[in-house]
Amino acid sequence: MKTVMLWAVCAAVVFVTALPVSAQSAKPVVLKGEIPFAFVSGSQTLPAGEYTIEMGSNGIHFLDAKKHPVQAIFANPAEQSYGDEQPRLVFRRYGDQYFLGQIWTRDGYVDFPQSRTEHHLQVSLRAEENTLTIAMR
């Protein structure tokens, strides 16, 4: 029994030790595009403008047109998609407010669940969710 436990502990140590090395070696995915309206991402409202989005092992980073960081999001890993997807952002719209819903890359997407603020806005406006997609490059 002690031998089985020792092997399990050794396997766990090897797995945890190797994980950061493989994550660091992955190149970040970079998307660029113009977002023509202010939008909410996480708990922050970002203004309309040109954005670069870098997605890597250390999260998702939004950079403005001058390459200044404006927000970092630590999100769940991207879901795999099947096929060569068009990079895009999907927003949920309620009235004149937009909330980031998904970021799509050529390999997959990251889904952002509805926040409490977004839910309360939807309920108070008695609005159905409308989506808007912005193509990225």
Protein backbone atom coordinates (compact mmCIF):
# COMPACT_ATOMS: atom_id res chain seq x y z
CA MET A 1 0.00 0.00 0.00
CA LYS A 2 2.87 2.36 0.84
CA THR A 3 4.37 1.69 -2.60
CA VAL A 4 1.12 2.69 -4.36
CA MET A 5 0.92 5.90 -2.30
CA LEU A 6 4.56 6.72 -3.07
CA TRP A 7 3.97 6.27 -6.83
CA ALA A 8 0.84 8.43 -6.67
CA VAL A 9 2.71 11.23 -4.88
CA CYS A 10 5.63 11.01 -7.36
CA ALA A 11 3.25 11.17 -10.33
CA ALA A 12 1.49 14.20 -8.87
CA VAL A 13 4.81 16.00 -8.27
CA VAL A 14 5.95 15.31 -11.85
CA PHE A 15 2.63 16.54 -13.24
CA VAL A 16 2.59 19.75 -11.19
CA THR A 17 6.26 20.46 -11.92
CA ALA A 18 5.85 19.97 -15.68
CA LEU A 19 2.68 22.05 -15.94
CA PRO A 20 4.22 25.55 -15.70
CA VAL A 21 6.95 24.65 -18.23
CA SER A 22 4.45 23.64 -20.90
CA ALA A 23 2.20 26.62 -20.13
CA GLN A 24 5.11 29.07 -20.42
CA SER A 25 6.23 27.67 -23.75
CA ALA A 26 2.87 28.36 -25.41
CA LYS A 27 2.75 31.53 -27.51
CA PRO A 28 0.00 33.99 -26.61
CA VAL A 29 -2.84 34.47 -29.07
CA VAL A 30 -3.13 38.10 -30.21
CA LEU A 31 -6.32 39.66 -31.60
CA LYS A 32 -6.72 43.24 -32.83
CA GLY A 33 -9.78 45.26 -33.74
CA GLU A 34 -11.92 48.35 -33.35
CA ILE A 35 -14.77 48.22 -30.84
CA PRO A 36 -17.15 51.09 -31.68
CA PHE A 37 -18.90 51.29 -28.30
CA ALA A 38 -18.08 51.28 -24.59
CA PHE A 39 -18.44 47.84 -23.03
CA VAL A 40 -18.24 46.04 -19.71
CA SER A 41 -15.58 43.38 -19.27
CA GLY A 42 -15.50 41.79 -15.86
CA SER A 43 -16.23 44.63 -13.44
CA GLN A 44 -14.68 47.36 -15.58
CA THR A 45 -16.22 49.55 -18.30
CA LEU A 46 -13.83 50.09 -21.22
CA PRO A 47 -14.29 52.93 -23.72
CA ALA A 48 -14.83 52.50 -27.45
CA GLY A 49 -11.59 52.26 -29.39
CA GLU A 50 -8.86 50.15 -30.95
CA TYR A 51 -7.86 47.17 -28.81
CA THR A 52 -5.24 44.47 -28.83
CA ILE A 53 -6.19 41.40 -26.84
CA GLU A 54 -3.43 39.03 -25.75
CA MET A 55 -4.53 35.61 -24.50
CA GLY A 56 -1.91 33.45 -22.84
CA SER A 57 -1.17 31.26 -19.87
CA ASN A 58 -1.19 34.29 -17.55
CA GLY A 59 -4.69 35.45 -18.53
CA ILE A 60 -6.31 37.77 -21.04
CA HIS A 61 -4.90 41.27 -21.38
CA PHE A 62 -6.62 44.20 -23.09
CA LEU A 63 -4.26 46.85 -24.48
CA ASP A 64 -5.39 50.20 -25.88
CA ALA A 65 -4.24 51.72 -29.19
CA LYS A 66 -1.03 52.97 -27.52
CA LYS A 67 -0.32 49.43 -26.20
CA HIS A 68 -1.05 50.51 -22.61
CA PRO A 69 -2.63 47.77 -20.50
CA VAL A 70 -6.21 48.64 -19.58
CA GLN A 71 -7.44 45.37 -18.12
CA ALA A 72 -6.39 41.83 -17.22
CA ILE A 73 -8.86 38.97 -16.87
CA PHE A 74 -8.05 35.62 -15.40
CA ALA A 75 -10.53 33.35 -17.13
CA ASN A 76 -11.16 29.67 -17.54
CA PRO A 77 -9.17 28.02 -20.32
CA ALA A 78 -10.53 28.33 -23.84
CA GLU A 79 -12.97 25.75 -25.10
CA GLN A 80 -11.85 23.83 -28.18
CA SER A 81 -13.79 24.43 -31.36
CA TYR A 82 -13.97 22.29 -34.44
CA GLY A 83 -12.64 23.93 -37.54
CA ASP A 84 -10.93 27.17 -38.40
CA GLU A 85 -12.97 29.87 -36.64
CA GLN A 86 -12.99 33.57 -37.48
CA PRO A 87 -11.49 35.56 -34.56
CA ARG A 88 -14.25 37.66 -33.04
CA LEU A 89 -15.75 39.14 -29.90
CA VAL A 90 -19.36 38.46 -28.96
CA PHE A 91 -21.18 41.02 -26.83
CA ARG A 92 -24.50 40.80 -25.02
CA ARG A 93 -26.54 43.99 -25.33
CA TYR A 94 -29.24 45.34 -23.01
CA GLY A 95 -30.54 48.78 -23.99
CA ASP A 96 -27.42 50.80 -24.74
CA GLN A 97 -25.04 48.74 -22.57
CA TYR A 98 -22.74 46.04 -23.92
CA PHE A 99 -21.14 43.19 -21.99
CA LEU A 100 -18.32 41.00 -23.28
CA GLY A 101 -19.71 37.47 -23.66
CA GLN A 102 -17.12 35.50 -25.64
CA ILE A 103 -13.70 35.82 -27.22
CA TRP A 104 -13.20 33.53 -30.24
CA THR A 105 -9.81 32.64 -31.69
CA ARG A 106 -9.00 30.32 -34.59
CA ASP A 107 -8.68 27.41 -32.14
CA GLY A 108 -11.45 27.95 -29.64
CA TYR A 109 -13.23 30.43 -27.42
CA VAL A 110 -13.50 31.75 -23.88
CA ASP A 111 -17.01 32.19 -22.50
CA PHE A 112 -17.77 34.84 -19.87
CA PRO A 113 -20.90 34.10 -17.82
CA GLN A 114 -23.49 36.76 -17.13
CA SER A 115 -22.49 38.91 -14.14
CA ARG A 116 -24.88 39.99 -11.38
CA THR A 117 -24.82 43.54 -12.70
CA GLU A 118 -25.72 42.32 -16.16
CA HIS A 119 -28.50 40.09 -14.79
CA HIS A 120 -29.99 42.95 -12.74
CA LEU A 121 -29.91 45.23 -15.79
CA GLN A 122 -31.65 42.59 -17.89
CA VAL A 123 -34.36 42.14 -15.24
CA SER A 124 -34.85 45.89 -14.67
CA LEU A 125 -35.15 46.60 -18.40
CA ARG A 126 -37.23 43.46 -18.94
CA ALA A 127 -35.04 43.03 -21.98
CA GLU A 128 -34.19 39.96 -23.96
CA GLU A 129 -30.55 39.28 -24.56
CA ASN A 130 -29.34 40.54 -27.93
CA THR A 131 -25.90 39.66 -29.21
CA LEU A 132 -23.54 41.63 -31.40
CA THR A 133 -20.40 40.20 -33.00
CA ILE A 134 -17.27 42.22 -33.84
CA ALA A 135 -14.75 40.64 -36.22
CA MET A 136 -11.12 40.77 -35.08
CA ARG A 137 -7.89 40.22 -36.96
